[in-house]
Amino acid sequence: MKRIIFCTFLKTKSEGQDFQEYPGELGKKIYNEISKQAWKKWLEKQTILINENKLNMSKLEDRKKIEKEMKLFLFHE
């Protein structure tokens, strides 16, 4: 059965994610407020950011940059 949530990114009811994609409290917020469609849009944007900025996801500093961008993209924080 599909899980329907109000997606704060799309501002509409939409299919929620099947499981928590991201760890911690931020992951819980994403799971509860971000739809599958919005998460897909973020993953596309994330790929562009990683490639354009030549980020290395094994480096803590680069992961923090991506997390900051994710918050801006999904929640306008």
N, C-alpha and C. Protein backbone atom coordinates (compact mmCIF):
# COMPACT_ATOMS: atom_id res chain seq x y z
N MET A 1 0.83 -1.18 0.00
CA MET A 1 0.00 0.00 0.00
C MET A 1 0.88 1.25 0.00
N LYS A 2 0.54 2.18 -0.84
CA LYS A 2 1.31 3.42 -0.94
C LYS A 2 1.05 4.32 0.25
N ARG A 3 2.08 4.97 0.69
CA ARG A 3 2.01 5.92 1.80
C ARG A 3 1.87 7.32 1.21
N ILE A 4 0.76 7.99 1.50
CA ILE A 4 0.51 9.33 0.97
C ILE A 4 0.83 10.34 2.07
N ILE A 5 1.62 11.34 1.69
CA ILE A 5 2.01 12.41 2.62
C ILE A 5 1.74 13.76 1.96
N PHE A 6 1.77 14.81 2.75
CA PHE A 6 1.78 16.16 2.18
C PHE A 6 3.24 16.54 2.00
N CYS A 7 3.65 16.66 0.76
CA CYS A 7 5.04 16.98 0.44
C CYS A 7 5.24 18.49 0.56
N THR A 8 6.12 18.89 1.48
CA THR A 8 6.37 20.31 1.69
C THR A 8 7.16 20.94 0.54
N PHE A 9 7.81 20.11 -0.26
CA PHE A 9 8.55 20.61 -1.42
C PHE A 9 7.60 20.90 -2.57
N LEU A 10 6.72 19.95 -2.87
CA LEU A 10 5.78 20.09 -3.99
C LEU A 10 4.51 20.83 -3.58
N LYS A 11 4.29 20.97 -2.28
CA LYS A 11 3.09 21.62 -1.74
C LYS A 11 1.81 20.90 -2.17
N THR A 12 1.86 19.57 -2.17
CA THR A 12 0.70 18.77 -2.54
C THR A 12 0.81 17.38 -1.92
N LYS A 13 -0.30 16.67 -1.87
CA LYS A 13 -0.25 15.29 -1.40
C LYS A 13 0.38 14.44 -2.49
N SER A 14 1.26 13.56 -2.07
CA SER A 14 2.01 12.75 -3.01
C SER A 14 2.47 11.47 -2.33
N GLU A 15 2.95 10.52 -3.12
CA GLU A 15 3.42 9.25 -2.57
C GLU A 15 4.70 9.47 -1.76
N GLY A 16 4.67 8.98 -0.51
CA GLY A 16 5.83 9.08 0.35
C GLY A 16 6.86 8.02 0.03
N GLN A 17 8.03 8.19 0.58
CA GLN A 17 9.12 7.23 0.37
C GLN A 17 8.82 5.92 1.09
N ASP A 18 9.39 4.84 0.60
CA ASP A 18 9.17 3.52 1.18
C ASP A 18 9.94 3.32 2.48
N PHE A 19 11.06 3.99 2.61
CA PHE A 19 11.89 3.87 3.81
C PHE A 19 12.70 5.16 3.98
N GLN A 20 13.28 5.33 5.14
CA GLN A 20 14.07 6.53 5.43
C GLN A 20 15.36 6.48 4.63
N GLU A 21 15.51 7.41 3.70
CA GLU A 21 16.66 7.45 2.79
C GLU A 21 17.92 8.07 3.41
N TYR A 22 17.74 8.86 4.46
CA TYR A 22 18.84 9.63 5.04
C TYR A 22 18.82 9.41 6.54
N PRO A 23 19.97 9.33 7.20
CA PRO A 23 20.00 9.02 8.64
C PRO A 23 19.62 10.19 9.54
N GLY A 24 19.33 9.89 10.78
CA GLY A 24 19.15 10.90 11.82
C GLY A 24 17.83 11.63 11.76
N GLU A 25 17.78 12.74 12.51
CA GLU A 25 16.57 13.55 12.59
C GLU A 25 16.22 14.16 11.24
N LEU A 26 17.23 14.59 10.50
CA LEU A 26 16.97 15.13 9.17
C LEU A 26 16.34 14.06 8.28
N GLY A 27 16.82 12.84 8.40
CA GLY A 27 16.24 11.73 7.64
C GLY A 27 14.79 11.49 7.98
N LYS A 28 14.44 11.60 9.26
CA LYS A 28 13.03 11.44 9.69
C LYS A 28 12.17 12.53 9.08
N LYS A 29 12.69 13.76 9.08
CA LYS A 29 11.95 14.89 8.51
C LYS A 29 11.74 14.67 7.01
N ILE A 30 12.78 14.22 6.33
CA ILE A 30 12.67 13.95 4.89
C ILE A 30 11.64 12.86 4.64
N TYR A 31 11.71 11.78 5.42
CA TYR A 31 10.78 10.66 5.27
C TYR A 31 9.33 11.11 5.45
N ASN A 32 9.09 11.98 6.42
CA ASN A 32 7.73 12.41 6.72
C ASN A 32 7.21 13.55 5.85
N GLU A 33 8.11 14.34 5.25
CA GLU A 33 7.67 15.54 4.54
C GLU A 33 8.04 15.61 3.07
N ILE A 34 8.89 14.71 2.59
CA ILE A 34 9.36 14.79 1.20
C ILE A 34 8.92 13.55 0.43
N SER A 35 8.26 13.76 -0.69
CA SER A 35 7.73 12.66 -1.49
C SER A 35 8.82 11.99 -2.32
N LYS A 36 8.46 10.84 -2.88
CA LYS A 36 9.39 10.14 -3.77
C LYS A 36 9.79 11.03 -4.94
N GLN A 37 8.82 11.73 -5.50
CA GLN A 37 9.08 12.60 -6.66
C GLN A 37 10.05 13.72 -6.29
N ALA A 38 9.84 14.35 -5.15
CA ALA A 38 10.72 15.44 -4.71
C ALA A 38 12.12 14.90 -4.40
N TRP A 39 12.20 13.72 -3.79
CA TRP A 39 13.50 13.12 -3.48
C TRP A 39 14.26 12.83 -4.77
N LYS A 40 13.56 12.37 -5.79
CA LYS A 40 14.19 12.11 -7.08
C LYS A 40 14.78 13.41 -7.66
N LYS A 41 14.01 14.50 -7.53
CA LYS A 41 14.52 15.80 -8.02
C LYS A 41 15.79 16.19 -7.26
N TRP A 42 15.80 15.94 -5.94
CA TRP A 42 16.99 16.25 -5.16
C TRP A 42 18.17 15.41 -5.63
N LEU A 43 17.98 14.12 -5.85
CA LEU A 43 19.09 13.26 -6.28
C LEU A 43 19.69 13.73 -7.60
N GLU A 44 18.84 14.21 -8.51
CA GLU A 44 19.34 14.76 -9.78
C GLU A 44 20.18 16.01 -9.52
N LYS A 45 19.67 16.89 -8.65
CA LYS A 45 20.40 18.12 -8.31
C LYS A 45 21.71 17.80 -7.58
N GLN A 46 21.66 16.81 -6.69
CA GLN A 46 22.85 16.40 -5.94
C GLN A 46 23.94 15.92 -6.89
N THR A 47 23.57 15.14 -7.87
CA THR A 47 24.54 14.62 -8.85
C THR A 47 25.21 15.78 -9.59
N ILE A 48 24.43 16.77 -9.97
CA ILE A 48 24.97 17.94 -10.67
C ILE A 48 25.95 18.68 -9.76
N LEU A 49 25.57 18.89 -8.49
CA LEU A 49 26.44 19.60 -7.55
C LEU A 49 27.75 18.86 -7.32
N ILE A 50 27.66 17.54 -7.15
CA ILE A 50 28.87 16.75 -6.92
C ILE A 50 29.81 16.85 -8.11
N ASN A 51 29.25 16.73 -9.30
CA ASN A 51 30.08 16.76 -10.50
C ASN A 51 30.65 18.15 -10.78
N GLU A 52 29.82 19.17 -10.70
CA GLU A 52 30.28 20.52 -11.01
C GLU A 52 31.34 21.01 -10.01
N ASN A 53 31.17 20.64 -8.76
CA ASN A 53 32.10 21.11 -7.73
C ASN A 53 33.20 20.10 -7.40
N LYS A 54 33.19 18.99 -8.14
CA LYS A 54 34.20 17.93 -7.95
C LYS A 54 34.30 17.52 -6.48
N LEU A 55 33.13 17.28 -5.88
CA LEU A 55 33.09 16.91 -4.47
C LEU A 55 33.43 15.43 -4.30
N ASN A 56 34.05 15.12 -3.19
CA ASN A 56 34.43 13.75 -2.85
C ASN A 56 33.60 13.35 -1.63
N MET A 57 32.66 12.43 -1.82
CA MET A 57 31.73 12.08 -0.75
C MET A 57 32.38 11.27 0.37
N SER A 58 33.63 10.92 0.22
CA SER A 58 34.34 10.26 1.33
C SER A 58 34.92 11.30 2.29
N LYS A 59 34.86 12.58 1.92
CA LYS A 59 35.36 13.66 2.78
C LYS A 59 34.20 14.28 3.55
N LEU A 60 34.36 14.38 4.85
CA LEU A 60 33.33 14.94 5.72
C LEU A 60 32.94 16.35 5.28
N GLU A 61 33.91 17.16 4.94
CA GLU A 61 33.66 18.54 4.53
C GLU A 61 32.73 18.60 3.31
N ASP A 62 32.96 17.74 2.34
CA ASP A 62 32.12 17.72 1.13
C ASP A 62 30.73 17.18 1.43
N ARG A 63 30.63 16.20 2.34
CA ARG A 63 29.31 15.68 2.72
C ARG A 63 28.50 16.76 3.43
N LYS A 64 29.17 17.58 4.24
CA LYS A 64 28.48 18.67 4.93
C LYS A 64 27.97 19.71 3.92
N LYS A 65 28.76 19.97 2.88
CA LYS A 65 28.33 20.91 1.83
C LYS A 65 27.06 20.39 1.15
N ILE A 66 27.05 19.10 0.85
CA ILE A 66 25.89 18.51 0.18
C ILE A 66 24.67 18.54 1.11
N GLU A 67 24.87 18.26 2.38
CA GLU A 67 23.75 18.30 3.32
C GLU A 67 23.17 19.71 3.42
N LYS A 68 24.04 20.71 3.44
CA LYS A 68 23.59 22.10 3.48
C LYS A 68 22.77 22.42 2.23
N GLU A 69 23.26 22.00 1.08
CA GLU A 69 22.55 22.24 -0.18
C GLU A 69 21.21 21.49 -0.19
N MET A 70 21.18 20.29 0.39
CA MET A 70 19.96 19.50 0.44
C MET A 70 18.90 20.22 1.27
N LYS A 71 19.30 20.77 2.42
CA LYS A 71 18.36 21.51 3.26
C LYS A 71 17.81 22.73 2.52
N LEU A 72 18.69 23.44 1.83
CA LEU A 72 18.25 24.60 1.04
C LEU A 72 17.27 24.18 -0.06
N PHE A 73 17.60 23.11 -0.76
CA PHE A 73 16.78 22.66 -1.88
C PHE A 73 15.42 22.16 -1.42
N LEU A 74 15.40 21.28 -0.41
CA LEU A 74 14.17 20.64 0.00
C LEU A 74 13.31 21.49 0.93
N PHE A 75 13.94 22.24 1.83
CA PHE A 75 13.21 22.96 2.87
C PHE A 75 13.42 24.46 2.87
N HIS A 76 14.24 24.97 1.97
CA HIS A 76 14.56 26.41 1.89
C HIS A 76 15.13 26.91 3.21
N GLU A 77 15.93 26.05 3.87
CA GLU A 77 16.56 26.41 5.16
C GLU A 77 17.91 27.04 4.93
